[in-house]
Amino acid sequence: MGLLNLIKQAGLDAVEAGNPVSVLYGTVASESPLSVTIDQRFTLTEDFLVVPEQLTDYRVTVGGQEIVIREGLKTGNTVILLRMQGGEQYVIVDRVVTA
């Protein structure tokens, strides 16, 4: 690696350190396995995603009838993500609701 590349990498590392978290929007591309597409540029698989409990399916059976308490992520949902420093983990914060 040449000196110029080392300087470039040091600059990129400094920028990364100054921005520990980035906010992104994505679209759920598939539910199982879960994947989210960011700005049609790249797709994150479930290995890179952290999904909070509030965005998972929760169903109960009452009197033989299944009741949906909370729906999980569905294909086509727009989600807000936080990219953790280093870019290896993305936390899905919530769904975006359109009026």
C-alpha atoms as a PDB file:
ATOM      1  CA  MET A   1       0.000   0.000   0.000  1.00  0.00           C
ATOM      2  CA  GLY A   2       1.476   3.315  -1.059  1.00  0.00           C
ATOM      3  CA  LEU A   3       1.740   6.457   1.021  1.00  0.00           C
ATOM      4  CA  LEU A   4      -1.155   8.100  -0.837  1.00  0.00           C
ATOM      5  CA  ASN A   5      -3.447   5.153  -0.060  1.00  0.00           C
ATOM      6  CA  LEU A   6      -2.414   5.227   3.602  1.00  0.00           C
ATOM      7  CA  ILE A   7      -3.266   8.938   3.795  1.00  0.00           C
ATOM      8  CA  LYS A   8      -6.638   8.325   2.110  1.00  0.00           C
ATOM      9  CA  GLN A   9      -7.432   5.484   4.516  1.00  0.00           C
ATOM     10  CA  ALA A  10      -6.457   7.599   7.520  1.00  0.00           C
ATOM     11  CA  GLY A  11      -8.792  10.340   6.287  1.00  0.00           C
ATOM     12  CA  LEU A  12     -11.660   7.880   5.833  1.00  0.00           C
ATOM     13  CA  ASP A  13     -11.057   6.434   9.305  1.00  0.00           C
ATOM     14  CA  ALA A  14     -11.148   9.935  10.796  1.00  0.00           C
ATOM     15  CA  VAL A  15     -14.460  10.709   9.087  1.00  0.00           C
ATOM     16  CA  GLU A  16     -15.907   7.378  10.274  1.00  0.00           C
ATOM     17  CA  ALA A  17     -14.846   8.107  13.845  1.00  0.00           C
ATOM     18  CA  GLY A  18     -16.547  11.511  13.696  1.00  0.00           C
ATOM     19  CA  ASN A  19     -19.829   9.982  12.501  1.00  0.00           C
ATOM     20  CA  PRO A  20     -20.465   6.972  14.735  1.00  0.00           C
ATOM     21  CA  VAL A  21     -24.071   6.539  13.560  1.00  0.00           C
ATOM     22  CA  SER A  22     -25.848   7.250  10.275  1.00  0.00           C
ATOM     23  CA  VAL A  23     -29.606   7.351   9.702  1.00  0.00           C
ATOM     24  CA  LEU A  24     -30.800   5.569   6.555  1.00  0.00           C
ATOM     25  CA  TYR A  25     -34.090   4.585   4.949  1.00  0.00           C
ATOM     26  CA  GLY A  26     -34.624   1.186   3.403  1.00  0.00           C
ATOM     27  CA  THR A  27     -37.295  -1.056   1.968  1.00  0.00           C
ATOM     28  CA  VAL A  28     -37.953  -4.595   3.150  1.00  0.00           C
ATOM     29  CA  ALA A  29     -37.075  -6.727   0.114  1.00  0.00           C
ATOM     30  CA  SER A  30     -38.047 -10.068   1.684  1.00  0.00           C
ATOM     31  CA  GLU A  31     -39.468 -11.293   4.972  1.00  0.00           C
ATOM     32  CA  SER A  32     -37.890 -14.718   5.271  1.00  0.00           C
ATOM     33  CA  PRO A  33     -35.003 -14.545   5.202  1.00  0.00           C
ATOM     34  CA  LEU A  34     -35.184 -10.870   6.106  1.00  0.00           C
ATOM     35  CA  SER A  35     -33.413  -8.470   3.759  1.00  0.00           C
ATOM     36  CA  VAL A  36     -33.577  -4.687   3.372  1.00  0.00           C
ATOM     37  CA  THR A  37     -32.585  -2.688   0.297  1.00  0.00           C
ATOM     38  CA  ILE A  38     -30.971   0.710   0.879  1.00  0.00           C
ATOM     39  CA  ASP A  39     -31.545   3.351  -1.828  1.00  0.00           C
ATOM     40  CA  GLN A  40     -31.482   0.640  -4.535  1.00  0.00           C
ATOM     41  CA  ARG A  41     -27.693   0.585  -4.015  1.00  0.00           C
ATOM     42  CA  PHE A  42     -27.213  -2.458  -1.812  1.00  0.00           C
ATOM     43  CA  THR A  43     -29.168  -5.078   0.115  1.00  0.00           C
ATOM     44  CA  LEU A  44     -28.586  -5.998   3.749  1.00  0.00           C
ATOM     45  CA  THR A  45     -29.226  -9.583   4.797  1.00  0.00           C
ATOM     46  CA  GLU A  46     -30.438 -10.613   8.233  1.00  0.00           C
ATOM     47  CA  ASP A  47     -26.813 -11.214   9.330  1.00  0.00           C
ATOM     48  CA  PHE A  48     -26.312  -7.422   9.316  1.00  0.00           C
ATOM     49  CA  LEU A  49     -29.702  -6.425  10.750  1.00  0.00           C
ATOM     50  CA  VAL A  50     -30.769  -5.975  14.358  1.00  0.00           C
ATOM     51  CA  VAL A  51     -34.562  -6.154  14.657  1.00  0.00           C
ATOM     52  CA  PRO A  52     -36.256  -4.932  17.843  1.00  0.00           C
ATOM     53  CA  GLU A  53     -39.024  -7.044  19.362  1.00  0.00           C
ATOM     54  CA  GLN A  54     -41.651  -4.407  18.482  1.00  0.00           C
ATOM     55  CA  LEU A  55     -41.134  -5.195  14.774  1.00  0.00           C
ATOM     56  CA  THR A  56     -41.682  -8.951  15.057  1.00  0.00           C
ATOM     57  CA  ASP A  57     -44.897 -10.963  14.741  1.00  0.00           C
ATOM     58  CA  TYR A  58     -46.807 -11.535  17.962  1.00  0.00           C
ATOM     59  CA  ARG A  59     -49.916 -13.680  17.764  1.00  0.00           C
ATOM     60  CA  VAL A  60     -51.988 -15.354  20.450  1.00  0.00           C
ATOM     61  CA  THR A  61     -54.732 -17.938  20.274  1.00  0.00           C
ATOM     62  CA  VAL A  62     -57.887 -17.160  22.236  1.00  0.00           C
ATOM     63  CA  GLY A  63     -60.810 -19.558  22.161  1.00  0.00           C
ATOM     64  CA  GLY A  64     -59.349 -21.372  19.170  1.00  0.00           C
ATOM     65  CA  GLN A  65     -59.014 -18.127  17.162  1.00  0.00           C
ATOM     66  CA  GLU A  66     -55.634 -16.612  16.336  1.00  0.00           C
ATOM     67  CA  ILE A  67     -55.412 -12.885  17.094  1.00  0.00           C
ATOM     68  CA  VAL A  68     -52.653 -10.684  15.692  1.00  0.00           C
ATOM     69  CA  ILE A  69     -51.335  -8.439  18.451  1.00  0.00           C
ATOM     70  CA  ARG A  70     -48.440  -7.042  16.437  1.00  0.00           C
ATOM     71  CA  GLU A  71     -47.393  -7.581  12.812  1.00  0.00           C
ATOM     72  CA  GLY A  72     -43.765  -8.060  11.924  1.00  0.00           C
ATOM     73  CA  LEU A  73     -41.992  -6.494   8.988  1.00  0.00           C
ATOM     74  CA  LYS A  74     -43.574  -7.122   5.610  1.00  0.00           C
ATOM     75  CA  THR A  75     -42.159  -6.950   2.091  1.00  0.00           C
ATOM     76  CA  GLY A  76     -42.458  -3.382   0.840  1.00  0.00           C
ATOM     77  CA  ASN A  77     -42.346  -1.743   4.291  1.00  0.00           C
ATOM     78  CA  THR A  78     -40.154   1.348   4.454  1.00  0.00           C
ATOM     79  CA  VAL A  79     -37.949   1.292   7.544  1.00  0.00           C
ATOM     80  CA  ILE A  80     -35.623   3.670   9.376  1.00  0.00           C
ATOM     81  CA  LEU A  81     -32.201   2.204  10.106  1.00  0.00           C
ATOM     82  CA  LEU A  82     -29.222   3.307  12.164  1.00  0.00           C
ATOM     83  CA  ARG A  83     -25.841   2.268  10.781  1.00  0.00           C
ATOM     84  CA  MET A  84     -23.504   1.527  13.622  1.00  0.00           C
ATOM     85  CA  GLN A  85     -19.892   2.680  13.484  1.00  0.00           C
ATOM     86  CA  GLY A  86     -17.946   0.473  11.119  1.00  0.00           C
ATOM     87  CA  GLY A  87     -21.036  -0.269   9.043  1.00  0.00           C
ATOM     88  CA  GLU A  88     -21.298  -3.929   9.990  1.00  0.00           C
ATOM     89  CA  GLN A  89     -24.555  -3.729  11.957  1.00  0.00           C
ATOM     90  CA  TYR A  90     -27.765  -1.862  11.132  1.00  0.00           C
ATOM     91  CA  VAL A  91     -30.488  -1.409  13.731  1.00  0.00           C
ATOM     92  CA  ILE A  92     -34.016  -1.188  12.348  1.00  0.00           C
ATOM     93  CA  VAL A  93     -35.586   1.547  14.467  1.00  0.00           C
ATOM     94  CA  ASP A  94     -39.148   1.537  13.148  1.00  0.00           C
ATOM     95  CA  ARG A  95     -41.453   1.386  10.151  1.00  0.00           C
ATOM     96  CA  VAL A  96     -42.304   4.532   8.208  1.00  0.00           C
ATOM     97  CA  VAL A  97     -46.064   5.069   7.952  1.00  0.00           C
ATOM     98  CA  THR A  98     -47.374   6.950   4.950  1.00  0.00           C
ATOM     99  CA  ALA A  99     -50.561   8.985   5.288  1.00  0.00           C
END
